[in-house]
Amino acid sequence: MAQTTMTVRLNETLSDFVASHVGEHGAYENMSEYMRDLIRRDKARVEREAFERLQAELALAYAAPESAYTPLTAADIIARNRP
């Protein structure tokens, strides 16, 4: 897997906040470890939100009355998805 180096500029307040989480008294050994964890958590949040949206859409579909559904054949679906 290829690695990418990024530079992040932080104002003093954010820099102090990061520093308080890194090193001897922090939960992370270095800033890279902290940033990777933040990115992983943000990625998990985005994936969780997408899943929750899908669950909500499915719940609406399941709650719809049977009369709201139109039977489709495979040919109907293929035709609908052609450009």
Protein backbone atom coordinates (compact mmCIF):
# COMPACT_ATOMS: atom_id res chain seq x y z
CA MET A 1 0.00 0.00 0.00
CA ALA A 2 1.39 3.38 -0.97
CA GLN A 3 1.78 6.02 1.69
CA THR A 4 1.20 9.72 1.30
CA THR A 5 2.78 12.44 3.37
CA MET A 6 0.55 15.41 4.17
CA THR A 7 1.26 18.69 5.86
CA VAL A 8 -1.39 20.13 8.15
CA ARG A 9 -1.27 23.69 9.42
CA LEU A 10 -2.95 24.31 12.75
CA ASN A 11 -3.58 27.49 14.67
CA GLU A 12 -2.20 27.70 18.20
CA THR A 13 -5.42 26.54 19.87
CA LEU A 14 -5.69 23.42 17.73
CA SER A 15 -1.96 22.75 18.00
CA ASP A 16 -2.17 22.89 21.80
CA PHE A 17 -5.17 20.57 21.74
CA VAL A 18 -3.33 18.02 19.59
CA ALA A 19 -0.22 18.29 21.75
CA SER A 20 -2.31 17.47 24.83
CA HIS A 21 -3.30 14.16 23.22
CA VAL A 22 0.19 13.19 22.06
CA GLY A 23 3.29 12.19 23.94
CA GLU A 24 4.01 11.21 27.50
CA HIS A 25 0.66 12.33 28.94
CA GLY A 26 -1.52 11.72 25.88
CA ALA A 27 -3.25 8.68 24.45
CA TYR A 28 -1.09 8.72 21.29
CA GLU A 29 2.64 8.30 20.86
CA ASN A 30 2.89 10.79 18.01
CA MET A 31 0.83 13.16 15.88
CA SER A 32 0.70 10.76 12.93
CA GLU A 33 -0.90 8.09 15.09
CA TYR A 34 -3.42 10.64 16.37
CA MET A 35 -4.28 11.86 12.85
CA ARG A 36 -4.67 8.31 11.51
CA ASP A 37 -7.06 7.49 14.37
CA LEU A 38 -9.11 10.65 13.72
CA ILE A 39 -9.34 9.83 10.02
CA ARG A 40 -10.34 6.22 10.71
CA ARG A 41 -13.05 7.36 13.13
CA ASP A 42 -14.34 9.94 10.65
CA LYS A 43 -14.40 7.29 7.90
CA ALA A 44 -16.35 4.95 10.20
CA ARG A 45 -18.80 7.79 10.99
CA VAL A 46 -19.40 8.50 7.29
CA GLU A 47 -19.97 4.79 6.61
CA ARG A 48 -22.31 4.50 9.62
CA GLU A 49 -24.34 7.53 8.46
CA ALA A 50 -24.64 6.07 4.94
CA PHE A 51 -25.83 2.77 6.42
CA GLU A 52 -28.35 4.58 8.63
CA ARG A 53 -29.71 6.45 5.58
CA LEU A 54 -30.08 3.14 3.75
CA GLN A 55 -31.85 1.61 6.77
CA ALA A 56 -34.26 4.57 6.86
CA GLU A 57 -35.01 4.20 3.14
CA LEU A 58 -35.62 0.47 3.55
CA ALA A 59 -37.87 1.09 6.55
CA LEU A 60 -39.99 3.46 4.43
CA ALA A 61 -40.14 0.90 1.63
CA TYR A 62 -41.21 -1.87 3.99
CA ALA A 63 -43.83 0.40 5.55
CA ALA A 64 -45.41 1.26 2.19
CA PRO A 65 -48.69 -0.47 1.40
CA GLU A 66 -48.61 -3.39 -1.03
CA SER A 67 -50.57 -1.27 -3.56
CA ALA A 68 -47.59 1.11 -3.83
CA TYR A 69 -45.49 -1.60 -5.48
CA THR A 70 -45.39 -2.26 -9.20
CA PRO A 71 -44.30 -5.70 -10.38
CA LEU A 72 -41.23 -5.57 -12.63
CA THR A 73 -39.56 -8.17 -14.75
CA ALA A 74 -35.82 -8.39 -15.28
CA ALA A 75 -36.36 -6.93 -18.75
CA ASP A 76 -38.22 -3.95 -17.21
CA ILE A 77 -35.31 -3.24 -14.88
CA ILE A 78 -32.72 -3.56 -17.66
CA ALA A 79 -34.73 -1.23 -19.89
CA ARG A 80 -35.16 1.28 -17.09
CA ASN A 81 -31.41 1.41 -16.50
CA ARG A 82 -30.35 1.85 -20.12
CA PRO A 83 -29.15 5.33 -21.08
